[in-house]
Amino acid sequence: MSIHRYFVVHKPPNMVSQFVSSHQVGLLGDLDFSFPEGTHAIGRLDSHSEGLLLCTTDKSITRLLFQGKVPHIRTYLVMVKGIVAPETLLQWEQGVPISAKMGGTYLTQPCKASLFEMERACEFFPNLIRLPEYGRFTWLQLSLTEGKFHQVRKMVAAVGHKCIRLIRISIEDITLGELAPGGIIEMDEEAFFNKLRLRSATSLPSVGDMA
């Protein structure tokens, strides 16, 4: 039996992906759920972003999921200001230069980019928070295998648009689905690792089995 626990959270906007902070901000601990001691977020969302956030007491998950040699797909719905042209989608798919540490630039890796209607999004994810939407805008679906600091927002800005909403809807085969904003479900270790295409320590053969 695993000694760790694994959670899927629908993080609402205006909440940081942390349990403690020195600032007066919304915290994961404010959600109506009793997380066990030692729980932390994997692959944070910034405070203004919303959607799928994974939490666990297993410290190895961040390394396995985001720092390993095998890339893992993260998919976002993105609302941007203005009308996005087909050639802009191609730019994102081929990679765009974004700001990096120490004043440098970073060329993003190829990704998948497509237009996405909000009404269609709500069919798949009926509990998305509906915010007032003014003026001309475009909904996009972006699937990336990397997650630099504020990467999606920087990718949008790099081609002359502004990110208005950013919603992570999936990490590999774990999806937001019908989980309501602020909602939390717990997954067993085997399902959690299988849906993320990872191998858990408990799934590895023992020394005796390998002999």
N, C-alpha and C. Protein backbone atom coordinates (compact mmCIF):
# COMPACT_ATOMS: atom_id res chain seq x y z
N MET A 1 0.84 -1.20 0.00
CA MET A 1 0.00 0.00 0.00
C MET A 1 0.88 1.25 0.00
N SER A 2 0.52 2.25 -0.79
CA SER A 2 1.31 3.46 -0.89
C SER A 2 1.19 4.29 0.38
N ILE A 3 2.30 4.91 0.77
CA ILE A 3 2.27 5.80 1.93
C ILE A 3 1.94 7.23 1.50
N HIS A 4 1.83 7.45 0.18
CA HIS A 4 1.57 8.78 -0.34
C HIS A 4 0.13 8.92 -0.81
N ARG A 5 -0.30 10.17 -0.96
CA ARG A 5 -1.64 10.46 -1.45
C ARG A 5 -1.56 11.43 -2.61
N TYR A 6 -2.58 11.35 -3.51
CA TYR A 6 -2.54 12.07 -4.77
C TYR A 6 -3.89 12.74 -5.03
N PHE A 7 -3.86 14.03 -5.40
CA PHE A 7 -5.09 14.80 -5.52
C PHE A 7 -5.14 15.56 -6.85
N VAL A 8 -6.36 15.69 -7.37
CA VAL A 8 -6.64 16.52 -8.55
C VAL A 8 -7.48 17.69 -8.08
N VAL A 9 -7.01 18.90 -8.36
CA VAL A 9 -7.67 20.11 -7.88
C VAL A 9 -8.08 20.99 -9.06
N HIS A 10 -9.27 21.56 -8.99
CA HIS A 10 -9.67 22.60 -9.95
C HIS A 10 -9.41 23.93 -9.27
N LYS A 11 -8.23 24.51 -9.55
CA LYS A 11 -7.85 25.77 -8.91
C LYS A 11 -8.63 26.93 -9.51
N PRO A 12 -9.35 27.68 -8.68
CA PRO A 12 -10.03 28.87 -9.20
C PRO A 12 -9.02 30.01 -9.38
N PRO A 13 -9.40 31.07 -10.11
CA PRO A 13 -8.50 32.22 -10.22
C PRO A 13 -8.36 32.94 -8.90
N ASN A 14 -7.36 33.81 -8.83
CA ASN A 14 -7.09 34.61 -7.63
C ASN A 14 -6.75 33.74 -6.43
N MET A 15 -5.96 32.69 -6.70
CA MET A 15 -5.46 31.81 -5.66
C MET A 15 -4.09 31.32 -6.09
N VAL A 16 -3.10 31.37 -5.19
CA VAL A 16 -1.77 30.88 -5.52
C VAL A 16 -1.72 29.38 -5.31
N SER A 17 -0.75 28.74 -5.97
CA SER A 17 -0.61 27.28 -5.89
C SER A 17 0.27 26.90 -4.71
N GLN A 18 -0.08 27.42 -3.54
CA GLN A 18 0.71 27.21 -2.33
C GLN A 18 -0.23 27.03 -1.13
N PHE A 19 0.36 26.46 -0.07
CA PHE A 19 -0.39 26.29 1.16
C PHE A 19 -0.02 27.34 2.20
N VAL A 20 1.13 27.97 2.04
CA VAL A 20 1.54 29.03 2.95
C VAL A 20 2.12 30.17 2.13
N SER A 21 2.00 31.38 2.65
CA SER A 21 2.55 32.55 1.99
C SER A 21 2.69 33.67 3.00
N SER A 22 3.68 34.52 2.79
CA SER A 22 3.86 35.69 3.65
C SER A 22 2.95 36.84 3.23
N HIS A 23 2.23 36.68 2.11
CA HIS A 23 1.35 37.72 1.60
C HIS A 23 -0.12 37.34 1.85
N GLN A 24 -0.98 38.34 1.80
CA GLN A 24 -2.41 38.12 1.98
C GLN A 24 -3.01 37.69 0.64
N VAL A 25 -2.98 36.41 0.35
CA VAL A 25 -3.47 35.87 -0.91
C VAL A 25 -4.30 34.63 -0.64
N GLY A 26 -5.11 34.25 -1.64
CA GLY A 26 -5.86 33.01 -1.53
C GLY A 26 -4.91 31.83 -1.60
N LEU A 27 -5.11 30.84 -0.74
CA LEU A 27 -4.22 29.68 -0.63
C LEU A 27 -4.99 28.39 -0.85
N LEU A 28 -4.28 27.34 -1.27
CA LEU A 28 -4.91 26.04 -1.45
C LEU A 28 -5.53 25.54 -0.15
N GLY A 29 -4.94 25.92 0.96
CA GLY A 29 -5.49 25.51 2.25
C GLY A 29 -6.83 26.15 2.56
N ASP A 30 -7.22 27.17 1.79
CA ASP A 30 -8.53 27.80 1.98
C ASP A 30 -9.66 26.97 1.37
N LEU A 31 -9.31 26.00 0.52
CA LEU A 31 -10.32 25.16 -0.09
C LEU A 31 -10.96 24.25 0.96
N ASP A 32 -12.17 23.83 0.71
CA ASP A 32 -12.94 23.03 1.67
C ASP A 32 -12.52 21.56 1.58
N PHE A 33 -11.29 21.31 2.06
CA PHE A 33 -10.74 19.96 2.01
C PHE A 33 -9.61 19.85 3.02
N SER A 34 -9.50 18.71 3.66
CA SER A 34 -8.43 18.50 4.64
C SER A 34 -7.27 17.75 3.99
N PHE A 35 -6.31 18.51 3.47
CA PHE A 35 -5.14 17.90 2.88
C PHE A 35 -4.24 17.35 3.99
N PRO A 36 -3.58 16.21 3.75
CA PRO A 36 -2.65 15.68 4.76
C PRO A 36 -1.39 16.54 4.85
N GLU A 37 -0.72 16.43 5.95
CA GLU A 37 0.53 17.18 6.14
C GLU A 37 1.55 16.77 5.08
N GLY A 38 2.27 17.75 4.56
CA GLY A 38 3.28 17.45 3.55
C GLY A 38 2.78 17.54 2.12
N THR A 39 1.51 17.90 1.93
CA THR A 39 0.97 18.03 0.57
C THR A 39 1.54 19.27 -0.11
N HIS A 40 1.90 19.15 -1.37
CA HIS A 40 2.41 20.28 -2.14
C HIS A 40 1.88 20.21 -3.55
N ALA A 41 1.92 21.33 -4.26
CA ALA A 41 1.44 21.39 -5.64
C ALA A 41 2.55 20.96 -6.60
N ILE A 42 2.13 20.34 -7.72
CA ILE A 42 3.06 19.92 -8.77
C ILE A 42 2.80 20.81 -9.98
N GLY A 43 3.82 21.45 -10.53
CA GLY A 43 3.62 22.28 -11.72
C GLY A 43 2.62 23.38 -11.46
N ARG A 44 3.04 24.41 -10.79
CA ARG A 44 2.13 25.46 -10.33
C ARG A 44 1.45 26.23 -11.47
N LEU A 45 0.29 26.77 -11.14
CA LEU A 45 -0.40 27.76 -11.96
C LEU A 45 -0.27 29.10 -11.26
N ASP A 46 -0.08 30.19 -12.02
CA ASP A 46 0.00 31.49 -11.35
C ASP A 46 -1.36 31.87 -10.79
N SER A 47 -1.39 32.90 -9.97
CA SER A 47 -2.61 33.22 -9.22
C SER A 47 -3.79 33.55 -10.13
N HIS A 48 -3.54 34.16 -11.29
CA HIS A 48 -4.63 34.55 -12.19
C HIS A 48 -5.11 33.39 -13.05
N SER A 49 -4.32 32.35 -13.17
CA SER A 49 -4.71 31.20 -14.00
C SER A 49 -5.60 30.26 -13.21
N GLU A 50 -6.29 29.41 -13.93
CA GLU A 50 -7.24 28.49 -13.29
C GLU A 50 -7.14 27.11 -13.93
N GLY A 51 -7.83 26.16 -13.32
CA GLY A 51 -7.88 24.84 -13.93
C GLY A 51 -7.13 23.76 -13.17
N LEU A 52 -6.66 22.78 -13.91
CA LEU A 52 -6.12 21.55 -13.34
C LEU A 52 -4.81 21.78 -12.60
N LEU A 53 -4.78 21.38 -11.34
CA LEU A 53 -3.58 21.43 -10.52
C LEU A 53 -3.47 20.11 -9.78
N LEU A 54 -2.29 19.51 -9.83
CA LEU A 54 -2.06 18.25 -9.12
C LEU A 54 -1.35 18.53 -7.81
N CYS A 55 -1.77 17.84 -6.77
CA CYS A 55 -1.15 17.95 -5.45
C CYS A 55 -0.85 16.55 -4.92
N THR A 56 0.20 16.43 -4.12
CA THR A 56 0.57 15.13 -3.60
C THR A 56 1.50 15.29 -2.40
N THR A 57 1.64 14.22 -1.65
CA THR A 57 2.65 14.17 -0.59
C THR A 57 3.92 13.50 -1.10
N ASP A 58 3.93 13.07 -2.35
CA ASP A 58 5.06 12.36 -2.96
C ASP A 58 6.01 13.37 -3.61
N LYS A 59 7.17 13.57 -3.02
CA LYS A 59 8.12 14.57 -3.50
C LYS A 59 8.77 14.18 -4.82
N SER A 60 8.66 12.93 -5.24
CA SER A 60 9.31 12.49 -6.47
C SER A 60 8.54 12.87 -7.73
N ILE A 61 7.27 13.26 -7.60
CA ILE A 61 6.42 13.45 -8.78
C ILE A 61 6.90 14.61 -9.66
N THR A 62 7.28 15.72 -9.06
CA THR A 62 7.75 16.85 -9.87
C THR A 62 8.94 16.44 -10.72
N ARG A 63 9.87 15.73 -10.14
CA ARG A 63 11.05 15.27 -10.89
C ARG A 63 10.65 14.31 -12.00
N LEU A 64 9.78 13.36 -11.70
CA LEU A 64 9.37 12.37 -12.70
C LEU A 64 8.58 13.00 -13.83
N LEU A 65 7.73 13.96 -13.49
CA LEU A 65 6.81 14.51 -14.48
C LEU A 65 7.41 15.65 -15.29
N PHE A 66 8.12 16.54 -14.66
CA PHE A 66 8.57 17.75 -15.33
C PHE A 66 10.07 17.88 -15.52
N GLN A 67 10.84 17.01 -14.90
CA GLN A 67 12.29 17.12 -14.99
C GLN A 67 12.93 15.88 -15.60
N GLY A 68 12.14 14.94 -16.05
CA GLY A 68 12.67 13.73 -16.64
C GLY A 68 12.95 13.90 -18.13
N LYS A 69 13.50 12.86 -18.74
CA LYS A 69 13.86 12.91 -20.16
C LYS A 69 12.63 12.75 -21.06
N VAL A 70 11.59 12.10 -20.56
CA VAL A 70 10.39 11.89 -21.36
C VAL A 70 9.44 13.07 -21.20
N PRO A 71 9.08 13.78 -22.28
CA PRO A 71 8.19 14.94 -22.16
C PRO A 71 6.75 14.52 -21.86
N HIS A 72 6.04 15.35 -21.12
CA HIS A 72 4.65 15.09 -20.80
C HIS A 72 3.80 16.28 -21.23
N ILE A 73 2.65 15.99 -21.81
CA ILE A 73 1.82 17.02 -22.44
C ILE A 73 0.91 17.70 -21.43
N ARG A 74 0.90 19.04 -21.49
CA ARG A 74 -0.03 19.86 -20.73
C ARG A 74 -0.87 20.67 -21.72
N THR A 75 -2.18 20.67 -21.54
CA THR A 75 -3.07 21.34 -22.49
C THR A 75 -3.83 22.46 -21.79
N TYR A 76 -3.93 23.60 -22.49
CA TYR A 76 -4.54 24.80 -21.94
C TYR A 76 -5.60 25.34 -22.90
N LEU A 77 -6.66 25.91 -22.34
CA LEU A 77 -7.55 26.79 -23.09
C LEU A 77 -7.12 28.21 -22.78
N VAL A 78 -6.96 29.01 -23.81
CA VAL A 78 -6.43 30.35 -23.64
C VAL A 78 -7.34 31.35 -24.36
N MET A 79 -7.79 32.35 -23.64
CA MET A 79 -8.56 33.43 -24.23
C MET A 79 -7.62 34.60 -24.45
N VAL A 80 -7.48 35.05 -25.70
CA VAL A 80 -6.57 36.14 -26.02
C VAL A 80 -7.34 37.29 -26.64
N LYS A 81 -6.81 38.49 -26.46
CA LYS A 81 -7.44 39.68 -27.02
C LYS A 81 -7.15 39.76 -28.51
N GLY A 82 -8.18 40.06 -29.29
CA GLY A 82 -8.03 40.18 -30.73
C GLY A 82 -8.32 38.88 -31.46
N ILE A 83 -8.26 38.95 -32.78
CA ILE A 83 -8.52 37.79 -33.63
C ILE A 83 -7.19 37.17 -34.05
N VAL A 84 -7.03 35.90 -33.78
CA VAL A 84 -5.77 35.20 -34.07
C VAL A 84 -5.79 34.68 -35.51
N ALA A 85 -4.77 35.03 -36.27
CA ALA A 85 -4.67 34.61 -37.67
C ALA A 85 -4.07 33.21 -37.77
N PRO A 86 -4.36 32.48 -38.86
CA PRO A 86 -3.81 31.14 -39.05
C PRO A 86 -2.29 31.11 -38.98
N GLU A 87 -1.63 32.15 -39.52
CA GLU A 87 -0.16 32.16 -39.49
C GLU A 87 0.38 32.31 -38.08
N THR A 88 -0.43 32.89 -37.19
CA THR A 88 -0.01 33.00 -35.79
C THR A 88 0.00 31.63 -35.12
N LEU A 89 -1.01 30.82 -35.42
CA LEU A 89 -1.03 29.45 -34.90
C LEU A 89 0.23 28.70 -35.34
N LEU A 90 0.63 28.91 -36.59
CA LEU A 90 1.82 28.26 -37.12
C LEU A 90 3.07 28.73 -36.38
N GLN A 91 3.12 30.01 -36.05
CA GLN A 91 4.25 30.54 -35.30
C GLN A 91 4.38 29.82 -33.96
N TRP A 92 3.28 29.69 -33.24
CA TRP A 92 3.31 28.99 -31.96
C TRP A 92 3.76 27.54 -32.13
N GLU A 93 3.24 26.90 -33.16
CA GLU A 93 3.57 25.49 -33.36
C GLU A 93 5.04 25.28 -33.68
N GLN A 94 5.65 26.25 -34.35
CA GLN A 94 7.06 26.12 -34.73
C GLN A 94 8.00 26.61 -33.64
N GLY A 95 7.48 27.41 -32.71
CA GLY A 95 8.31 27.96 -31.63
C GLY A 95 8.49 29.45 -31.78
N VAL A 96 8.36 30.18 -30.66
CA VAL A 96 8.54 31.63 -30.66
C VAL A 96 9.54 32.01 -29.58
N PRO A 97 10.28 33.11 -29.77
CA PRO A 97 11.23 33.55 -28.74
C PRO A 97 10.50 34.27 -27.60
N ILE A 98 10.81 33.87 -26.38
CA ILE A 98 10.23 34.53 -25.21
C ILE A 98 11.36 34.96 -24.28
N SER A 99 11.06 35.86 -23.36
CA SER A 99 12.07 36.34 -22.44
C SER A 99 12.48 35.22 -21.48
N ALA A 100 13.76 35.23 -21.13
CA ALA A 100 14.30 34.22 -20.23
C ALA A 100 15.07 34.92 -19.11
N LYS A 101 15.66 34.13 -18.22
CA LYS A 101 16.41 34.68 -17.11
C LYS A 101 17.63 35.45 -17.60
N MET A 102 18.08 36.38 -16.78
CA MET A 102 19.29 37.15 -17.05
C MET A 102 19.19 37.98 -18.33
N GLY A 103 17.95 38.33 -18.74
CA GLY A 103 17.76 39.18 -19.89
C GLY A 103 17.91 38.51 -21.23
N GLY A 104 17.99 37.19 -21.26
CA GLY A 104 18.14 36.46 -22.51
C GLY A 104 16.81 36.11 -23.13
N THR A 105 16.85 35.31 -24.19
CA THR A 105 15.63 34.83 -24.84
C THR A 105 15.68 33.31 -24.94
N TYR A 106 14.51 32.72 -25.06
CA TYR A 106 14.38 31.27 -25.16
C TYR A 106 13.41 30.97 -26.29
N LEU A 107 13.80 30.06 -27.19
CA LEU A 107 12.92 29.64 -28.27
C LEU A 107 12.10 28.46 -27.80
N THR A 108 10.79 28.64 -27.74
CA THR A 108 9.93 27.58 -27.24
C THR A 108 9.94 26.37 -28.18
N GLN A 109 9.75 25.22 -27.60
CA GLN A 109 9.71 23.99 -28.38
C GLN A 109 8.40 23.92 -29.16
N PRO A 110 8.38 23.14 -30.25
CA PRO A 110 7.13 22.99 -31.02
C PRO A 110 5.98 22.54 -30.14
N CYS A 111 4.80 23.04 -30.43
CA CYS A 111 3.61 22.67 -29.67
C CYS A 111 2.45 22.52 -30.64
N LYS A 112 1.28 22.17 -30.13
CA LYS A 112 0.07 22.10 -30.94
C LYS A 112 -0.81 23.30 -30.60
N ALA A 113 -1.30 24.00 -31.63
CA ALA A 113 -2.13 25.19 -31.42
C ALA A 113 -3.33 25.14 -32.35
N SER A 114 -4.50 25.42 -31.81
CA SER A 114 -5.71 25.41 -32.64
C SER A 114 -6.73 26.37 -32.04
N LEU A 115 -7.69 26.79 -32.86
CA LEU A 115 -8.79 27.62 -32.39
C LEU A 115 -9.77 26.75 -31.63
N PHE A 116 -10.47 27.35 -30.65
CA PHE A 116 -11.37 26.58 -29.81
C PHE A 116 -12.51 27.48 -29.36
N GLU A 117 -13.74 27.09 -29.67
CA GLU A 117 -14.90 27.89 -29.28
C GLU A 117 -15.23 27.67 -27.81
N MET A 118 -15.55 28.75 -27.09
CA MET A 118 -15.86 28.64 -25.67
C MET A 118 -17.07 27.75 -25.42
N GLU A 119 -18.07 27.82 -26.29
CA GLU A 119 -19.25 26.98 -26.09
C GLU A 119 -18.87 25.51 -26.18
N ARG A 120 -17.95 25.20 -27.07
CA ARG A 120 -17.46 23.82 -27.17
C ARG A 120 -16.69 23.44 -25.91
N ALA A 121 -15.91 24.38 -25.39
CA ALA A 121 -15.16 24.12 -24.17
C ALA A 121 -16.11 23.79 -23.02
N CYS A 122 -17.22 24.53 -22.93
CA CYS A 122 -18.16 24.30 -21.84
C CYS A 122 -18.90 22.97 -21.97
N GLU A 123 -18.98 22.44 -23.19
CA GLU A 123 -19.57 21.12 -23.37
C GLU A 123 -18.69 20.06 -22.73
N PHE A 124 -17.37 20.23 -22.88
CA PHE A 124 -16.43 19.28 -22.31
C PHE A 124 -16.19 19.54 -20.83
N PHE A 125 -16.19 20.83 -20.44
CA PHE A 125 -15.87 21.22 -19.08
C PHE A 125 -16.96 22.14 -18.56
N PRO A 126 -18.13 21.56 -18.20
CA PRO A 126 -19.30 22.38 -17.87
C PRO A 126 -19.14 23.24 -16.64
N ASN A 127 -18.13 22.99 -15.81
CA ASN A 127 -17.97 23.77 -14.60
C ASN A 127 -16.92 24.87 -14.72
N LEU A 128 -16.51 25.21 -15.94
CA LEU A 128 -15.60 26.33 -16.12
C LEU A 128 -16.24 27.60 -15.58
N ILE A 129 -15.44 28.40 -14.89
CA ILE A 129 -15.94 29.67 -14.39
C ILE A 129 -16.16 30.61 -15.57
N ARG A 130 -17.36 31.12 -15.70
CA ARG A 130 -17.65 32.06 -16.80
C ARG A 130 -17.41 33.49 -16.28
N LEU A 131 -16.46 34.16 -16.90
CA LEU A 131 -16.16 35.55 -16.55
C LEU A 131 -16.70 36.47 -17.63
N PRO A 132 -16.95 37.74 -17.30
CA PRO A 132 -17.38 38.69 -18.35
C PRO A 132 -16.34 38.76 -19.46
N GLU A 133 -16.79 38.72 -20.69
CA GLU A 133 -15.89 38.71 -21.83
C GLU A 133 -16.29 39.86 -22.76
N TYR A 134 -15.42 40.86 -22.86
CA TYR A 134 -15.73 42.07 -23.61
C TYR A 134 -14.85 42.19 -24.85
N GLY A 135 -15.40 42.81 -25.88
CA GLY A 135 -14.62 43.10 -27.07
C GLY A 135 -14.35 41.87 -27.92
N ARG A 136 -13.42 42.01 -28.84
CA ARG A 136 -13.08 40.93 -29.75
C ARG A 136 -12.00 40.06 -29.12
N PHE A 137 -12.19 38.78 -29.16
CA PHE A 137 -11.23 37.86 -28.55
C PHE A 137 -11.25 36.53 -29.30
N THR A 138 -10.28 35.69 -29.01
CA THR A 138 -10.18 34.37 -29.61
C THR A 138 -9.87 33.36 -28.52
N TRP A 139 -10.55 32.21 -28.57
CA TRP A 139 -10.21 31.09 -27.69
C TRP A 139 -9.29 30.13 -28.43
N LEU A 140 -8.24 29.69 -27.75
CA LEU A 140 -7.26 28.77 -28.32
C LEU A 140 -7.12 27.54 -27.45
N GLN A 141 -6.64 26.47 -28.07
CA GLN A 141 -6.18 25.30 -27.32
C GLN A 141 -4.69 25.12 -27.64
N LEU A 142 -3.86 25.15 -26.60
CA LEU A 142 -2.43 24.97 -26.75
C LEU A 142 -1.98 23.76 -25.96
N SER A 143 -1.21 22.88 -26.58
CA SER A 143 -0.66 21.69 -25.92
C SER A 143 0.85 21.78 -25.96
N LEU A 144 1.47 21.83 -24.78
CA LEU A 144 2.91 21.99 -24.65
C LEU A 144 3.53 20.81 -23.91
N THR A 145 4.82 20.62 -24.13
CA THR A 145 5.55 19.60 -23.38
C THR A 145 6.62 20.23 -22.49
N GLU A 146 6.50 21.53 -22.26
CA GLU A 146 7.42 22.22 -21.37
C GLU A 146 6.64 23.28 -20.62
N GLY A 147 7.24 23.80 -19.54
CA GLY A 147 6.53 24.78 -18.74
C GLY A 147 7.46 25.79 -18.11
N LYS A 148 8.04 26.65 -18.94
CA LYS A 148 8.87 27.72 -18.42
C LYS A 148 8.00 28.72 -17.65
N PHE A 149 8.65 29.60 -16.91
CA PHE A 149 7.94 30.59 -16.08
C PHE A 149 7.02 31.45 -16.93
N HIS A 150 5.72 31.39 -16.66
CA HIS A 150 4.71 32.17 -17.39
C HIS A 150 4.80 31.93 -18.90
N GLN A 151 5.11 30.70 -19.28
CA GLN A 151 5.39 30.44 -20.69
C GLN A 151 4.23 30.76 -21.62
N VAL A 152 3.04 30.28 -21.31
CA VAL A 152 1.91 30.50 -22.22
C VAL A 152 1.63 31.99 -22.37
N ARG A 153 1.63 32.72 -21.27
CA ARG A 153 1.39 34.17 -21.35
C ARG A 153 2.47 34.86 -22.19
N LYS A 154 3.70 34.44 -22.04
CA LYS A 154 4.79 35.03 -22.82
C LYS A 154 4.67 34.65 -24.30
N MET A 155 4.24 33.42 -24.60
CA MET A 155 4.05 33.01 -25.99
C MET A 155 2.97 33.84 -26.66
N VAL A 156 1.91 34.13 -25.92
CA VAL A 156 0.83 34.95 -26.46
C VAL A 156 1.33 36.37 -26.73
N ALA A 157 2.07 36.92 -25.77
CA ALA A 157 2.58 38.28 -25.93
C ALA A 157 3.61 38.38 -27.05
N ALA A 158 4.35 37.30 -27.30
CA ALA A 158 5.42 37.31 -28.30
C ALA A 158 4.88 37.53 -29.71
N VAL A 159 3.61 37.23 -29.95
CA VAL A 159 3.03 37.41 -31.28
C VAL A 159 2.01 38.55 -31.31
N GLY A 160 2.07 39.41 -30.29
CA GLY A 160 1.26 40.63 -30.32
C GLY A 160 -0.13 40.53 -29.75
N HIS A 161 -0.42 39.49 -28.96
CA HIS A 161 -1.73 39.35 -28.33
C HIS A 161 -1.58 39.47 -26.81
N LYS A 162 -2.70 39.57 -26.13
CA LYS A 162 -2.71 39.63 -24.67
C LYS A 162 -3.54 38.49 -24.12
N CYS A 163 -3.00 37.78 -23.15
CA CYS A 163 -3.72 36.67 -22.53
C CYS A 163 -4.73 37.22 -21.52
N ILE A 164 -6.00 36.87 -21.71
CA ILE A 164 -7.05 37.34 -20.81
C ILE A 164 -7.43 36.24 -19.81
N ARG A 165 -7.55 35.04 -20.29
CA ARG A 165 -7.83 33.90 -19.40
C ARG A 165 -6.91 32.75 -19.77
N LEU A 166 -6.51 31.98 -18.78
CA LEU A 166 -5.65 30.82 -18.99
C LEU A 166 -6.15 29.69 -18.12
N ILE A 167 -6.57 28.60 -18.75
CA ILE A 167 -7.19 27.48 -18.04
C ILE A 167 -6.46 26.20 -18.43
N ARG A 168 -5.80 25.56 -17.48
CA ARG A 168 -5.19 24.26 -17.79
C ARG A 168 -6.27 23.19 -17.68
N ILE A 169 -6.44 22.43 -18.75
CA ILE A 169 -7.53 21.45 -18.78
C ILE A 169 -7.03 20.00 -18.67
N SER A 170 -5.74 19.77 -18.89
CA SER A 170 -5.25 18.40 -18.75
C SER A 170 -3.74 18.36 -18.59
N ILE A 171 -3.28 17.33 -17.93
CA ILE A 171 -1.88 16.94 -17.90
C ILE A 171 -1.87 15.46 -18.26
N GLU A 172 -1.32 15.16 -19.44
CA GLU A 172 -1.41 13.80 -19.99
C GLU A 172 -2.88 13.36 -19.96
N ASP A 173 -3.22 12.23 -19.33
CA ASP A 173 -4.59 11.72 -19.37
C ASP A 173 -5.42 12.10 -18.15
N ILE A 174 -4.88 12.94 -17.28
CA ILE A 174 -5.69 13.47 -16.19
C ILE A 174 -6.32 14.77 -16.69
N THR A 175 -7.64 14.82 -16.69
CA THR A 175 -8.35 15.97 -17.24
C THR A 175 -9.20 16.67 -16.18
N LEU A 176 -9.52 17.92 -16.45
CA LEU A 176 -10.37 18.69 -15.55
C LEU A 176 -11.77 18.10 -15.50
N GLY A 177 -12.28 17.67 -16.67
CA GLY A 177 -13.59 17.04 -16.73
C GLY A 177 -14.68 17.90 -16.12
N GLU A 178 -15.52 17.32 -15.31
CA GLU A 178 -16.64 18.03 -14.70
C GLU A 178 -16.34 18.48 -13.28
N LEU A 179 -15.06 18.46 -12.90
CA LEU A 179 -14.70 18.90 -11.56
C LEU A 179 -14.96 20.40 -11.42
N ALA A 180 -15.76 20.78 -10.44
CA ALA A 180 -16.15 22.18 -10.25
C ALA A 180 -15.00 23.02 -9.72
N PRO A 181 -14.97 24.33 -10.00
CA PRO A 181 -13.94 25.19 -9.43
C PRO A 181 -13.87 25.04 -7.91
N GLY A 182 -12.67 24.84 -7.40
CA GLY A 182 -12.51 24.61 -5.97
C GLY A 182 -12.69 23.16 -5.58
N GLY A 183 -13.10 22.33 -6.54
CA GLY A 183 -13.33 20.92 -6.26
C GLY A 183 -12.03 20.13 -6.21
N ILE A 184 -12.06 19.02 -5.47
CA ILE A 184 -10.88 18.18 -5.28
C ILE A 184 -11.31 16.72 -5.30
N ILE A 185 -10.57 15.90 -6.03
CA ILE A 185 -10.79 14.46 -5.95
C ILE A 185 -9.46 13.79 -5.64
N GLU A 186 -9.52 12.68 -4.96
CA GLU A 186 -8.30 11.92 -4.64
C GLU A 186 -8.22 10.71 -5.56
N MET A 187 -7.03 10.42 -6.06
CA MET A 187 -6.80 9.27 -6.93
C MET A 187 -5.89 8.28 -6.22
N ASP A 188 -6.09 6.99 -6.53
CA ASP A 188 -5.15 6.01 -5.99
C ASP A 188 -3.86 6.06 -6.79
N GLU A 189 -2.79 5.58 -6.22
CA GLU A 189 -1.47 5.72 -6.82
C GLU A 189 -1.39 5.09 -8.21
N GLU A 190 -1.93 3.90 -8.38
CA GLU A 190 -1.82 3.22 -9.68
C GLU A 190 -2.49 4.02 -10.78
N ALA A 191 -3.71 4.50 -10.55
CA ALA A 191 -4.41 5.28 -11.55
C ALA A 191 -3.69 6.59 -11.83
N PHE A 192 -3.20 7.23 -10.78
CA PHE A 192 -2.49 8.50 -10.91
C PHE A 192 -1.26 8.35 -11.80
N PHE A 193 -0.45 7.34 -11.52
CA PHE A 193 0.76 7.13 -12.31
C PHE A 193 0.45 6.68 -13.73
N ASN A 194 -0.56 5.83 -13.88
CA ASN A 194 -0.91 5.36 -15.23
C ASN A 194 -1.39 6.51 -16.11
N LYS A 195 -2.25 7.38 -15.58
CA LYS A 195 -2.78 8.48 -16.37
C LYS A 195 -1.72 9.52 -16.70
N LEU A 196 -0.68 9.60 -15.87
CA LEU A 196 0.42 10.53 -16.15
C LEU A 196 1.55 9.85 -16.93
N ARG A 197 1.37 8.58 -17.24
CA ARG A 197 2.36 7.81 -17.98
C ARG A 197 3.70 7.78 -17.24
N LEU A 198 3.60 7.50 -15.94
CA LEU A 198 4.77 7.39 -15.09
C LEU A 198 4.82 5.98 -14.50
N ARG A 199 5.95 5.65 -13.93
CA ARG A 199 6.08 4.38 -13.21
C ARG A 199 6.29 4.69 -11.75
N SER A 200 5.45 4.13 -10.90
CA SER A 200 5.58 4.35 -9.46
C SER A 200 6.58 3.37 -8.87
N ALA A 201 7.08 3.71 -7.70
CA ALA A 201 8.02 2.83 -7.03
C ALA A 201 7.38 1.48 -6.72
N THR A 202 6.07 1.49 -6.41
CA THR A 202 5.40 0.25 -6.07
C THR A 202 5.15 -0.62 -7.30
N SER A 203 5.26 -0.05 -8.50
CA SER A 203 5.05 -0.83 -9.73
C SER A 203 6.32 -1.50 -10.22
N LEU A 204 7.48 -1.10 -9.64
CA LEU A 204 8.75 -1.67 -10.06
C LEU A 204 8.93 -3.05 -9.46
N PRO A 205 9.58 -4.00 -10.16
CA PRO A 205 9.79 -5.33 -9.62
C PRO A 205 10.74 -5.29 -8.43
N SER A 206 10.50 -6.19 -7.48
CA SER A 206 11.38 -6.27 -6.34
C SER A 206 12.68 -6.95 -6.73
N VAL A 207 13.66 -6.88 -5.84
CA VAL A 207 14.96 -7.51 -6.11
C VAL A 207 14.78 -8.99 -6.36
N GLY A 208 13.89 -9.63 -5.57
CA GLY A 208 13.66 -11.06 -5.74
C GLY A 208 13.05 -11.37 -7.09
N ASP A 209 12.12 -10.50 -7.55
CA ASP A 209 11.48 -10.72 -8.85
C ASP A 209 12.46 -10.57 -10.00
N MET A 210 13.50 -9.72 -9.80
CA MET A 210 14.46 -9.46 -10.86
C MET A 210 15.53 -10.53 -10.94
N ALA A 211 15.63 -11.37 -9.93
CA ALA A 211 16.70 -12.39 -9.90
C ALA A 211 16.44 -13.47 -10.95
